[in-house]
Amino acid sequence: MMRLFEAILSTNFIGINVYDIRIPFSDRKSAQFIQAPVMGTSESDRANKTVNHIFSQIPKGISVEYIILSFESDRDLSIAEYSELSTVVESSVTDDAEVFYNLRYVDRADFCWMGIIYAA
């Protein structure tokens, strides 16, 4: 699991200290990874479908305390799409949860992918 964190954090796009993430996750055995690609839907629905698909896979009734979210798309998200994404994420975690976002543009037509690592 720590190798996966380091691979995600090795990009130049994240401006946080790796220890801010390594320490909360290192003592938890329940860290999980979920990913989902969504292709073939309209651009306006892609981000919403992806985030809802990912978060529907988290078991109900657990308290999610830490999330690293990586989102890749063939275009930048609009402010409204980012707001929808963060609303779903924030409603799925505890009030004092730590959430780290990584949004990235990729040069692949009709592509949208999201992966999260979470600990409860």
N, C-alpha and C. Protein backbone atom coordinates (compact mmCIF):
# COMPACT_ATOMS: atom_id res chain seq x y z
N MET A 1 0.84 -1.19 0.00
CA MET A 1 0.00 0.00 0.00
C MET A 1 0.88 1.25 0.00
N MET A 2 1.96 1.24 0.79
CA MET A 2 2.80 2.43 0.85
C MET A 2 3.46 2.70 -0.50
N ARG A 3 3.78 1.65 -1.27
CA ARG A 3 4.35 1.87 -2.61
C ARG A 3 3.36 2.57 -3.52
N LEU A 4 2.07 2.22 -3.37
CA LEU A 4 1.04 2.87 -4.16
C LEU A 4 0.95 4.36 -3.81
N PHE A 5 0.99 4.67 -2.51
CA PHE A 5 0.98 6.08 -2.09
C PHE A 5 2.16 6.82 -2.70
N GLU A 6 3.34 6.22 -2.60
CA GLU A 6 4.53 6.88 -3.09
C GLU A 6 4.47 7.09 -4.60
N ALA A 7 3.89 6.14 -5.33
CA ALA A 7 3.74 6.30 -6.78
C ALA A 7 2.80 7.45 -7.11
N ILE A 8 1.70 7.55 -6.38
CA ILE A 8 0.75 8.64 -6.60
C ILE A 8 1.39 9.98 -6.24
N LEU A 9 2.10 9.99 -5.13
CA LEU A 9 2.67 11.24 -4.64
C LEU A 9 3.96 11.65 -5.34
N SER A 10 4.50 10.77 -6.19
CA SER A 10 5.75 11.10 -6.86
C SER A 10 5.56 12.06 -8.02
N THR A 11 4.31 12.32 -8.40
CA THR A 11 4.07 13.26 -9.49
C THR A 11 4.39 14.67 -9.02
N ASN A 12 4.62 15.54 -9.94
CA ASN A 12 4.94 16.93 -9.59
C ASN A 12 3.68 17.76 -9.35
N PHE A 13 2.52 17.13 -9.41
CA PHE A 13 1.28 17.88 -9.31
C PHE A 13 0.75 18.03 -7.90
N ILE A 14 1.30 17.29 -6.95
CA ILE A 14 0.80 17.36 -5.58
C ILE A 14 1.75 18.20 -4.76
N GLY A 15 1.24 19.25 -4.15
CA GLY A 15 2.08 20.15 -3.37
C GLY A 15 1.90 19.97 -1.88
N ILE A 16 1.95 18.72 -1.42
CA ILE A 16 1.83 18.45 0.01
C ILE A 16 2.98 17.57 0.44
N ASN A 17 3.23 17.57 1.71
CA ASN A 17 4.29 16.76 2.28
C ASN A 17 3.83 15.30 2.34
N VAL A 18 4.66 14.39 1.85
CA VAL A 18 4.30 12.98 1.83
C VAL A 18 4.01 12.46 3.24
N TYR A 19 4.62 13.03 4.27
CA TYR A 19 4.39 12.58 5.63
C TYR A 19 3.00 12.95 6.14
N ASP A 20 2.39 13.99 5.56
CA ASP A 20 1.01 14.32 5.93
C ASP A 20 0.06 13.18 5.58
N ILE A 21 0.43 12.40 4.58
CA ILE A 21 -0.39 11.27 4.16
C ILE A 21 0.16 9.95 4.71
N ARG A 22 1.45 9.79 4.69
CA ARG A 22 2.05 8.54 5.15
C ARG A 22 1.71 8.24 6.60
N ILE A 23 1.79 9.22 7.47
CA ILE A 23 1.55 8.99 8.90
C ILE A 23 0.12 8.55 9.17
N PRO A 24 -0.93 9.23 8.67
CA PRO A 24 -2.29 8.76 8.97
C PRO A 24 -2.58 7.36 8.44
N PHE A 25 -2.02 7.00 7.31
CA PHE A 25 -2.32 5.70 6.72
C PHE A 25 -1.42 4.58 7.23
N SER A 26 -0.25 4.89 7.73
CA SER A 26 0.71 3.84 8.05
C SER A 26 0.27 2.93 9.19
N ASP A 27 -0.53 3.41 10.12
CA ASP A 27 -0.95 2.56 11.25
C ASP A 27 -2.32 1.93 11.04
N ARG A 28 -2.89 2.10 9.88
CA ARG A 28 -4.23 1.57 9.62
C ARG A 28 -4.15 0.36 8.70
N LYS A 29 -4.72 -0.72 9.10
CA LYS A 29 -4.73 -1.92 8.29
C LYS A 29 -5.90 -1.94 7.32
N SER A 30 -6.82 -1.00 7.46
CA SER A 30 -8.04 -1.04 6.66
C SER A 30 -8.00 -0.11 5.45
N ALA A 31 -6.81 0.34 5.03
CA ALA A 31 -6.73 1.19 3.85
C ALA A 31 -7.15 0.38 2.63
N GLN A 32 -7.98 0.97 1.79
CA GLN A 32 -8.52 0.29 0.61
C GLN A 32 -8.29 1.15 -0.62
N PHE A 33 -8.21 0.51 -1.77
CA PHE A 33 -8.06 1.20 -3.05
C PHE A 33 -9.24 0.81 -3.94
N ILE A 34 -9.87 1.81 -4.52
CA ILE A 34 -10.98 1.59 -5.47
C ILE A 34 -10.68 2.45 -6.70
N GLN A 35 -10.96 1.91 -7.88
CA GLN A 35 -10.79 2.69 -9.10
C GLN A 35 -11.95 2.43 -10.04
N ALA A 36 -12.19 3.37 -10.93
CA ALA A 36 -13.27 3.20 -11.89
C ALA A 36 -13.01 4.06 -13.12
N PRO A 37 -13.01 3.44 -14.30
CA PRO A 37 -13.01 4.23 -15.53
C PRO A 37 -14.45 4.40 -16.01
N VAL A 38 -14.72 5.51 -16.63
CA VAL A 38 -16.04 5.72 -17.24
C VAL A 38 -15.79 6.25 -18.64
N MET A 39 -16.26 5.51 -19.63
CA MET A 39 -16.08 5.91 -21.02
C MET A 39 -17.42 5.84 -21.73
N GLY A 40 -17.54 6.60 -22.79
CA GLY A 40 -18.72 6.51 -23.63
C GLY A 40 -19.93 7.27 -23.12
N THR A 41 -19.76 8.12 -22.13
CA THR A 41 -20.88 8.96 -21.67
C THR A 41 -20.60 10.39 -22.07
N SER A 42 -21.61 11.23 -21.95
CA SER A 42 -21.42 12.63 -22.32
C SER A 42 -20.42 13.28 -21.37
N GLU A 43 -19.73 14.30 -21.88
CA GLU A 43 -18.72 14.99 -21.07
C GLU A 43 -19.31 15.53 -19.78
N SER A 44 -20.52 16.05 -19.84
CA SER A 44 -21.12 16.66 -18.66
C SER A 44 -21.48 15.64 -17.59
N ASP A 45 -21.70 14.38 -17.97
CA ASP A 45 -22.07 13.34 -17.01
C ASP A 45 -20.89 12.53 -16.50
N ARG A 46 -19.77 12.59 -17.20
CA ARG A 46 -18.66 11.71 -16.90
C ARG A 46 -18.14 11.84 -15.48
N ALA A 47 -17.84 13.04 -15.03
CA ALA A 47 -17.28 13.24 -13.68
C ALA A 47 -18.27 12.79 -12.62
N ASN A 48 -19.54 13.17 -12.79
CA ASN A 48 -20.56 12.81 -11.82
C ASN A 48 -20.74 11.30 -11.74
N LYS A 49 -20.81 10.63 -12.87
CA LYS A 49 -20.97 9.17 -12.87
C LYS A 49 -19.77 8.47 -12.25
N THR A 50 -18.58 8.98 -12.53
CA THR A 50 -17.38 8.36 -11.99
C THR A 50 -17.33 8.47 -10.48
N VAL A 51 -17.54 9.66 -9.95
CA VAL A 51 -17.46 9.83 -8.49
C VAL A 51 -18.57 9.06 -7.79
N ASN A 52 -19.76 9.03 -8.34
CA ASN A 52 -20.83 8.27 -7.72
C ASN A 52 -20.57 6.77 -7.78
N HIS A 53 -19.99 6.30 -8.88
CA HIS A 53 -19.65 4.88 -9.01
C HIS A 53 -18.60 4.50 -7.96
N ILE A 54 -17.59 5.31 -7.80
CA ILE A 54 -16.53 5.03 -6.82
C ILE A 54 -17.11 4.98 -5.41
N PHE A 55 -17.85 6.01 -5.03
CA PHE A 55 -18.31 6.11 -3.64
C PHE A 55 -19.44 5.14 -3.33
N SER A 56 -20.09 4.61 -4.34
CA SER A 56 -21.10 3.58 -4.08
C SER A 56 -20.44 2.26 -3.68
N GLN A 57 -19.14 2.12 -3.94
CA GLN A 57 -18.42 0.90 -3.59
C GLN A 57 -17.89 0.89 -2.16
N ILE A 58 -17.91 2.04 -1.49
CA ILE A 58 -17.48 2.09 -0.09
C ILE A 58 -18.60 1.52 0.76
N PRO A 59 -18.30 0.55 1.62
CA PRO A 59 -19.35 -0.05 2.45
C PRO A 59 -20.08 0.99 3.29
N LYS A 60 -21.38 0.81 3.40
CA LYS A 60 -22.20 1.72 4.20
C LYS A 60 -21.90 1.50 5.68
N GLY A 61 -22.01 2.55 6.46
CA GLY A 61 -21.88 2.44 7.91
C GLY A 61 -20.46 2.54 8.44
N ILE A 62 -19.46 2.78 7.57
CA ILE A 62 -18.11 2.96 8.10
C ILE A 62 -17.78 4.44 8.15
N SER A 63 -16.85 4.81 9.01
CA SER A 63 -16.43 6.20 9.14
C SER A 63 -15.12 6.39 8.39
N VAL A 64 -15.20 6.99 7.22
CA VAL A 64 -14.01 7.24 6.41
C VAL A 64 -13.32 8.47 6.97
N GLU A 65 -12.03 8.29 7.33
CA GLU A 65 -11.27 9.37 7.98
C GLU A 65 -10.22 10.00 7.08
N TYR A 66 -9.73 9.25 6.09
CA TYR A 66 -8.68 9.75 5.19
C TYR A 66 -8.98 9.28 3.77
N ILE A 67 -8.81 10.19 2.82
CA ILE A 67 -8.99 9.84 1.41
C ILE A 67 -7.92 10.55 0.58
N ILE A 68 -7.33 9.79 -0.32
CA ILE A 68 -6.53 10.37 -1.39
C ILE A 68 -7.31 10.08 -2.66
N LEU A 69 -7.68 11.12 -3.37
CA LEU A 69 -8.49 10.98 -4.57
C LEU A 69 -7.69 11.45 -5.77
N SER A 70 -7.60 10.62 -6.78
CA SER A 70 -6.93 10.98 -8.02
C SER A 70 -7.96 10.91 -9.14
N PHE A 71 -8.12 12.00 -9.87
CA PHE A 71 -9.11 12.08 -10.94
C PHE A 71 -8.40 12.47 -12.22
N GLU A 72 -8.59 11.68 -13.27
CA GLU A 72 -8.00 11.96 -14.58
C GLU A 72 -9.10 12.06 -15.61
N SER A 73 -9.00 13.06 -16.48
CA SER A 73 -10.02 13.25 -17.50
C SER A 73 -9.39 13.85 -18.75
N ASP A 74 -10.11 13.70 -19.86
CA ASP A 74 -9.64 14.25 -21.12
C ASP A 74 -9.89 15.75 -21.23
N ARG A 75 -10.44 16.33 -20.19
CA ARG A 75 -10.63 17.79 -20.14
C ARG A 75 -10.63 18.24 -18.69
N ASP A 76 -10.39 19.52 -18.49
CA ASP A 76 -10.43 20.07 -17.14
C ASP A 76 -11.87 20.12 -16.64
N LEU A 77 -12.04 19.94 -15.34
CA LEU A 77 -13.37 20.04 -14.75
C LEU A 77 -13.80 21.49 -14.64
N SER A 78 -15.08 21.72 -14.83
CA SER A 78 -15.62 23.06 -14.60
C SER A 78 -15.76 23.26 -13.09
N ILE A 79 -16.00 24.49 -12.68
CA ILE A 79 -16.21 24.77 -11.25
C ILE A 79 -17.43 24.00 -10.74
N ALA A 80 -18.49 23.92 -11.53
CA ALA A 80 -19.70 23.20 -11.12
C ALA A 80 -19.40 21.71 -10.96
N GLU A 81 -18.63 21.12 -11.88
CA GLU A 81 -18.28 19.71 -11.77
C GLU A 81 -17.40 19.44 -10.55
N TYR A 82 -16.44 20.32 -10.32
CA TYR A 82 -15.59 20.16 -9.14
C TYR A 82 -16.42 20.27 -7.87
N SER A 83 -17.38 21.18 -7.86
CA SER A 83 -18.26 21.34 -6.71
C SER A 83 -19.07 20.07 -6.46
N GLU A 84 -19.61 19.47 -7.53
CA GLU A 84 -20.36 18.21 -7.40
C GLU A 84 -19.46 17.11 -6.86
N LEU A 85 -18.25 17.01 -7.41
CA LEU A 85 -17.31 16.00 -6.96
C LEU A 85 -17.00 16.17 -5.48
N SER A 86 -16.67 17.39 -5.06
CA SER A 86 -16.32 17.60 -3.66
C SER A 86 -17.52 17.42 -2.73
N THR A 87 -18.73 17.71 -3.20
CA THR A 87 -19.93 17.49 -2.38
C THR A 87 -20.11 16.01 -2.11
N VAL A 88 -19.96 15.17 -3.12
CA VAL A 88 -20.08 13.72 -2.92
C VAL A 88 -18.99 13.22 -1.97
N VAL A 89 -17.77 13.68 -2.19
CA VAL A 89 -16.65 13.24 -1.33
C VAL A 89 -16.89 13.68 0.11
N GLU A 90 -17.16 14.95 0.31
CA GLU A 90 -17.31 15.48 1.67
C GLU A 90 -18.50 14.86 2.41
N SER A 91 -19.54 14.46 1.68
CA SER A 91 -20.69 13.84 2.33
C SER A 91 -20.42 12.37 2.69
N SER A 92 -19.31 11.83 2.20
CA SER A 92 -18.98 10.43 2.44
C SER A 92 -17.94 10.23 3.54
N VAL A 93 -17.46 11.30 4.13
CA VAL A 93 -16.40 11.20 5.13
C VAL A 93 -16.85 11.83 6.44
N THR A 94 -16.07 11.58 7.49
CA THR A 94 -16.37 12.19 8.79
C THR A 94 -16.07 13.70 8.72
N ASP A 95 -16.60 14.45 9.67
CA ASP A 95 -16.43 15.90 9.68
C ASP A 95 -14.97 16.33 9.77
N ASP A 96 -14.15 15.56 10.47
CA ASP A 96 -12.75 15.93 10.63
C ASP A 96 -11.82 15.12 9.72
N ALA A 97 -12.35 14.57 8.65
CA ALA A 97 -11.56 13.75 7.73
C ALA A 97 -10.56 14.60 6.96
N GLU A 98 -9.48 13.96 6.56
CA GLU A 98 -8.48 14.60 5.71
C GLU A 98 -8.67 14.06 4.30
N VAL A 99 -8.87 14.98 3.35
CA VAL A 99 -9.10 14.60 1.96
C VAL A 99 -8.07 15.31 1.10
N PHE A 100 -7.39 14.54 0.26
CA PHE A 100 -6.38 15.08 -0.64
C PHE A 100 -6.84 14.82 -2.07
N TYR A 101 -6.92 15.88 -2.88
CA TYR A 101 -7.38 15.77 -4.26
C TYR A 101 -6.21 15.91 -5.22
N ASN A 102 -6.23 15.13 -6.29
CA ASN A 102 -5.29 15.28 -7.39
C ASN A 102 -6.11 15.20 -8.67
N LEU A 103 -6.27 16.32 -9.36
CA LEU A 103 -7.02 16.38 -10.62
C LEU A 103 -6.01 16.56 -11.75
N ARG A 104 -6.16 15.74 -12.78
CA ARG A 104 -5.15 15.76 -13.84
C ARG A 104 -5.80 15.62 -15.21
N TYR A 105 -5.33 16.41 -16.15
CA TYR A 105 -5.73 16.30 -17.56
C TYR A 105 -4.86 15.23 -18.22
N VAL A 106 -5.49 14.34 -19.01
CA VAL A 106 -4.75 13.34 -19.78
C VAL A 106 -5.20 13.43 -21.24
N ASP A 107 -4.29 13.15 -22.13
CA ASP A 107 -4.56 13.26 -23.56
C ASP A 107 -5.07 11.92 -24.10
N ARG A 108 -6.30 11.55 -23.69
CA ARG A 108 -6.97 10.33 -24.18
C ARG A 108 -8.42 10.70 -24.44
N ALA A 109 -8.87 10.49 -25.64
CA ALA A 109 -10.22 10.87 -26.03
C ALA A 109 -11.28 10.10 -25.23
N ASP A 110 -12.34 10.79 -24.85
CA ASP A 110 -13.47 10.20 -24.14
C ASP A 110 -13.05 9.40 -22.91
N PHE A 111 -12.16 9.97 -22.12
CA PHE A 111 -11.60 9.24 -20.98
C PHE A 111 -11.89 9.95 -19.67
N CYS A 112 -12.25 9.17 -18.68
CA CYS A 112 -12.43 9.68 -17.32
C CYS A 112 -12.12 8.52 -16.37
N TRP A 113 -11.21 8.73 -15.44
CA TRP A 113 -10.82 7.70 -14.48
C TRP A 113 -10.68 8.34 -13.11
N MET A 114 -11.06 7.58 -12.10
CA MET A 114 -10.86 8.03 -10.74
C MET A 114 -10.41 6.85 -9.89
N GLY A 115 -9.50 7.13 -9.00
CA GLY A 115 -9.07 6.15 -8.02
C GLY A 115 -9.01 6.81 -6.66
N ILE A 116 -9.37 6.07 -5.63
CA ILE A 116 -9.25 6.60 -4.28
C ILE A 116 -8.58 5.56 -3.39
N ILE A 117 -7.85 6.06 -2.43
CA ILE A 117 -7.35 5.25 -1.34
C ILE A 117 -7.99 5.85 -0.10
N TYR A 118 -8.62 4.99 0.69
CA TYR A 118 -9.29 5.51 1.88
C TYR A 118 -8.99 4.63 3.09
N ALA A 119 -9.08 5.23 4.25
CA ALA A 119 -8.93 4.49 5.50
C ALA A 119 -10.08 4.86 6.42
N ALA A 120 -10.55 3.85 7.11
CA ALA A 120 -11.67 4.04 8.03
C ALA A 120 -11.23 3.76 9.45
